[in-house]
Every structure is written in C-alpha cells, then in structure tokens.
Protein backbone atom coordinates (compact mmCIF):
# COMPACT_ATOMS: atom_id res chain seq x y z
CA UNK A 1 -8.95 6.84 39.75
CA UNK A 2 -9.56 8.51 36.40
CA UNK A 3 -10.61 6.06 33.69
CA UNK A 4 -10.67 7.65 30.24
CA UNK A 5 -12.80 5.01 28.51
CA UNK A 6 -15.52 5.12 31.18
CA UNK A 7 -15.75 8.92 30.82
CA UNK A 8 -15.96 8.69 27.03
CA UNK A 9 -18.60 5.96 27.26
CA UNK A 10 -20.77 8.05 29.59
CA UNK A 11 -20.29 11.34 27.71
CA UNK A 12 -20.19 10.31 24.02
CA UNK A 13 -20.68 6.63 23.26
CA UNK A 14 -24.03 6.26 25.06
CA UNK A 15 -25.54 9.13 23.05
CA UNK A 16 -24.15 7.72 19.78
CA UNK A 17 -25.74 4.32 20.53
CA UNK A 18 -29.09 5.94 21.45
CA UNK A 19 -29.08 7.78 18.12
CA UNK A 20 -28.07 4.67 16.17
CA UNK A 21 -30.55 2.18 17.69
CA UNK A 22 -33.35 4.62 18.70
CA UNK A 23 -33.51 3.46 22.33
CA UNK A 24 -36.42 4.81 24.40
CA UNK A 25 -34.52 5.00 27.72
CA UNK A 26 -30.90 5.24 28.79
CA UNK A 27 -31.23 1.84 30.50
CA UNK A 28 -31.57 0.10 27.12
CA UNK A 29 -28.10 1.21 26.02
CA UNK A 30 -25.68 -1.77 26.08
CA UNK A 31 -22.66 -1.53 28.35
CA UNK A 32 -19.65 -3.59 29.32
CA UNK A 33 -20.32 -6.00 32.17
CA UNK A 34 -16.96 -7.75 32.62
CA UNK A 35 -13.83 -8.94 30.84
CA UNK A 36 -12.57 -12.46 31.52
CA UNK A 37 -8.98 -13.50 30.72
CA UNK A 38 -8.36 -17.25 30.63
CA UNK A 39 -5.14 -19.22 30.11
CA UNK A 40 -5.36 -22.96 29.58
CA UNK A 41 -2.26 -25.04 30.35
CA UNK A 42 -2.78 -28.78 30.21
CA UNK A 43 0.75 -29.55 31.41
CA UNK A 44 0.53 -27.27 34.49
CA UNK A 45 0.19 -30.23 36.90
CA UNK A 46 3.59 -31.57 35.81
CA UNK A 47 5.34 -28.18 36.07
CA UNK A 48 4.25 -26.06 39.07
CA UNK A 49 6.72 -23.27 38.16
CA UNK A 50 4.83 -22.77 34.90
CA UNK A 51 1.54 -22.32 36.78
CA UNK A 52 3.12 -19.79 39.17
CA UNK A 53 4.63 -17.78 36.29
CA UNK A 54 1.25 -17.65 34.50
CA UNK A 55 -0.47 -16.47 37.70
CA UNK A 56 2.18 -13.74 38.11
CA UNK A 57 1.89 -12.67 34.46
CA UNK A 58 -1.92 -12.41 34.61
CA UNK A 59 -1.59 -10.35 37.80
CA UNK A 60 0.90 -8.02 36.07
CA UNK A 61 -1.29 -7.61 32.98
CA UNK A 62 -4.56 -7.01 34.83
CA UNK A 63 -3.55 -5.57 38.20
CA UNK A 64 -5.66 -8.23 39.90
CA UNK A 65 -4.88 -11.65 41.38
CA UNK A 66 -5.58 -14.63 39.12
CA UNK A 67 -7.28 -17.83 40.28
CA UNK A 68 -6.36 -21.39 39.29
CA UNK A 69 -8.89 -23.40 37.31
CA UNK A 70 -9.27 -27.14 37.79
CA UNK A 71 -10.27 -29.89 35.38
CA UNK A 72 -13.93 -30.86 35.78
CA UNK A 73 -13.46 -34.32 34.35
CA UNK A 74 -10.65 -36.72 33.50
CA UNK A 75 -9.39 -36.97 29.92
CA UNK A 76 -7.06 -39.93 29.44
CA UNK A 77 -5.73 -38.85 26.02
CA UNK A 78 -4.46 -35.59 27.51
CA UNK A 79 -3.24 -37.24 30.75
CA UNK A 80 -5.55 -35.01 32.79
CA UNK A 81 -7.44 -36.16 35.85
CA UNK A 82 -10.41 -34.51 37.51
CA UNK A 83 -9.20 -31.88 39.97
CA UNK A 84 -5.86 -31.20 38.21
CA UNK A 85 -4.97 -27.54 37.92
CA UNK A 86 -5.19 -26.85 34.20
CA UNK A 87 -5.30 -23.07 33.89
CA UNK A 88 -5.75 -19.62 35.34
CA UNK A 89 -8.47 -17.01 35.05
CA UNK A 90 -9.07 -13.35 35.94
CA UNK A 91 -12.43 -11.55 35.86
CA UNK A 92 -12.25 -7.75 35.61
CA UNK A 93 -15.09 -5.38 36.43
CA UNK A 94 -15.44 -1.63 37.00
CA UNK A 95 -12.45 0.68 36.67
CA UNK A 96 -9.94 -2.16 36.22
CA UNK A 97 -12.00 -3.48 33.29
CA UNK A 98 -12.03 -0.10 31.50
CA UNK A 99 -8.34 0.48 32.21
CA UNK A 100 -7.42 -2.98 30.86
CA UNK A 101 -9.56 -2.48 27.72
CA UNK A 102 -7.89 0.88 27.11
CA UNK A 103 -4.41 -0.67 27.36
CA UNK A 104 -5.47 -3.65 25.22
CA UNK A 105 -6.82 -1.52 22.37
CA UNK A 106 -4.21 1.26 22.38
CA UNK A 107 -0.99 -0.48 23.47
CA UNK A 108 -1.10 -4.30 23.32
CA UNK A 109 -2.98 -5.08 20.08
CA UNK A 110 -0.92 -2.64 17.95
CA UNK A 111 2.20 -4.55 19.14
CA UNK A 112 0.99 -7.80 17.51
CA UNK A 113 3.13 -8.62 14.51
CA UNK A 114 1.24 -8.50 11.15
CA UNK A 115 -1.94 -7.40 12.94
CA UNK A 116 -4.77 -6.85 10.48
CA UNK A 117 -7.60 -6.46 12.99
CA UNK A 118 -9.93 -8.66 15.02
CA UNK A 119 -12.72 -10.67 13.42
CA UNK A 120 -16.17 -9.12 13.73
CA UNK A 121 -17.67 -12.63 13.53
CA UNK A 122 -16.61 -13.79 17.01
CA UNK A 123 -19.77 -12.65 18.80
CA UNK A 124 -22.12 -15.16 20.41
CA UNK A 125 -25.91 -14.77 20.21
CA UNK A 126 -25.99 -12.91 23.55
CA UNK A 127 -23.69 -10.10 22.41
CA UNK A 128 -20.47 -11.32 24.05
CA UNK A 129 -17.17 -11.14 22.17
CA UNK A 130 -14.42 -13.81 22.29
CA UNK A 131 -10.92 -13.69 20.86
CA UNK A 132 -7.48 -15.05 21.62
CA UNK A 133 -4.01 -13.63 21.49
CA UNK A 134 -1.19 -16.05 20.72
CA UNK A 135 1.53 -14.51 22.89
CA UNK A 136 1.30 -12.85 26.29
CA UNK A 137 4.42 -10.81 25.51
CA UNK A 138 2.42 -8.20 23.55
CA UNK A 139 1.65 -6.61 26.92
CA UNK A 140 4.41 -4.17 27.92
CA UNK A 141 4.21 -5.32 31.58
CA UNK A 142 5.65 -8.71 30.66
CA UNK A 143 9.44 -8.97 30.72
CA UNK A 144 10.37 -11.32 27.87
CA UNK A 145 13.62 -12.43 29.57
CA UNK A 146 11.77 -13.63 32.68
CA UNK A 147 9.04 -15.45 30.73
CA UNK A 148 8.89 -19.18 31.51
CA UNK A 149 7.00 -20.13 28.35
CA UNK A 150 5.06 -18.37 25.59
CA UNK A 151 1.31 -19.01 25.89
CA UNK A 152 -1.94 -17.61 24.56
CA UNK A 153 -4.70 -15.82 26.41
CA UNK A 154 -8.40 -16.14 25.65
CA UNK A 155 -10.27 -12.88 26.27
CA UNK A 156 -14.06 -12.67 26.64
CA UNK A 157 -15.79 -9.29 26.70
CA UNK A 158 -19.24 -9.67 28.28
CA UNK A 159 -21.77 -6.97 27.38
CA UNK A 160 -25.43 -6.31 28.19
CA UNK A 161 -26.22 -6.10 24.45
CA UNK A 162 -29.17 -8.21 23.26
CA UNK A 163 -27.87 -8.78 19.69
CA UNK A 164 -24.59 -9.17 17.84
CA UNK A 165 -25.20 -5.87 16.02
CA UNK A 166 -25.61 -3.92 19.27
CA UNK A 167 -22.47 -5.50 20.77
CA UNK A 168 -20.47 -4.77 17.59
CA UNK A 169 -21.63 -1.14 17.63
CA UNK A 170 -20.69 -0.84 21.32
CA UNK A 171 -17.16 -2.21 20.80
CA UNK A 172 -16.71 -0.07 17.67
CA UNK A 173 -17.48 2.97 19.84
CA UNK A 174 -14.61 1.88 22.09
CA UNK A 175 -12.41 1.87 18.92
CA UNK A 176 -11.90 -1.90 18.99
CA UNK A 177 -9.73 -2.67 15.91
CA UNK A 178 -12.00 -4.87 13.77
CA UNK A 179 -11.08 -6.06 10.28
CA UNK A 180 -12.82 -4.23 7.47
CA UNK A 181 -15.63 -6.24 5.88
CA UNK A 182 -15.09 -7.16 2.28
C-alpha cells in the first residue's frame, strides 16, 4: 500500500526538521505515533440505533472498526450510570494513520464551511494536538441522506515531539492548515 505522506515524511520532512532544530541523530526527529478519533454521545444508551450508526460512520471514515466506550462513573445530572455506553473511539497507527491524515488535510477540512484554519494553540505540553470537527459529514465517505444524527468528532494527533514548537513544526511539514498568527 503506497502512502504518500509517509514517503514525503521520510524523504523531505525529516531532513527539514533536522535542519530546523539541529538534531544530532535521526532518532531525535519527532514523528507521528497515532491518531485517535473519539465521538461522545451521552444519549447513546437510550437510542441503540444511534450508537450503531456512529460505529458504522467511524468505520467508513477510518477504514477500521470502532470500539464502544463506557462511562467510568455515574453522573446523575446527565442521566448516565457507570458502565453505560457513551461513545465510540478509533485508534489509527501505521499506513491507515497516514492515509487518514492525508484525506483529513486535503479533502475533509477544505469542505468545512467558513474554514479559516485550525488553532495553533491546541497543543498539550507533550506535543500532542487536539481539535474537534462539528459535523461528521465533511468526510466524503459519509452519505448525508443515511445519517442518523449530526455529531462532532474529537481528533487527537499523538506525536513523539518533546515540545509544542517541535510538534507544530512537524504538523506544518504535513501541511496542516493552521490559522495565521496575528
């Protein structure tokens, strides 16, 4: 399976990062570890069809089977008990991760209405990047007519970067559409 982003990372992006941060060895260069997609649905226990449609949609988007997530503790205000199924999650690694990132950057994000770019401030101290999309229908694999309900997806990109600056530089190499500072 040919993965364009992996090839570009190995051939161009690594060298650019070595030049930028003056790494001593190739092992110091940050890389992508995994991408986690998470959908939270508090009302999933009352509507099993909704849970099944979300699992199918995540499988269509990622090419990998999604797993159900369960509530760890009861929250009376939200009518959630411990053990209730409250969401779905997919963890992508390897070729599927690079292929998903390629489709996200070049196909899905440009389809967002009034898209002005992603915030460059959403990095944690370990160099991981978090953002959410409001509608799953930006992915071309999703058929709008068969969609049970519009929901958001939280996406976490886990890197081996040690700082926010290194992680930002890595994702910029992948042409992640960040907002311009200013």
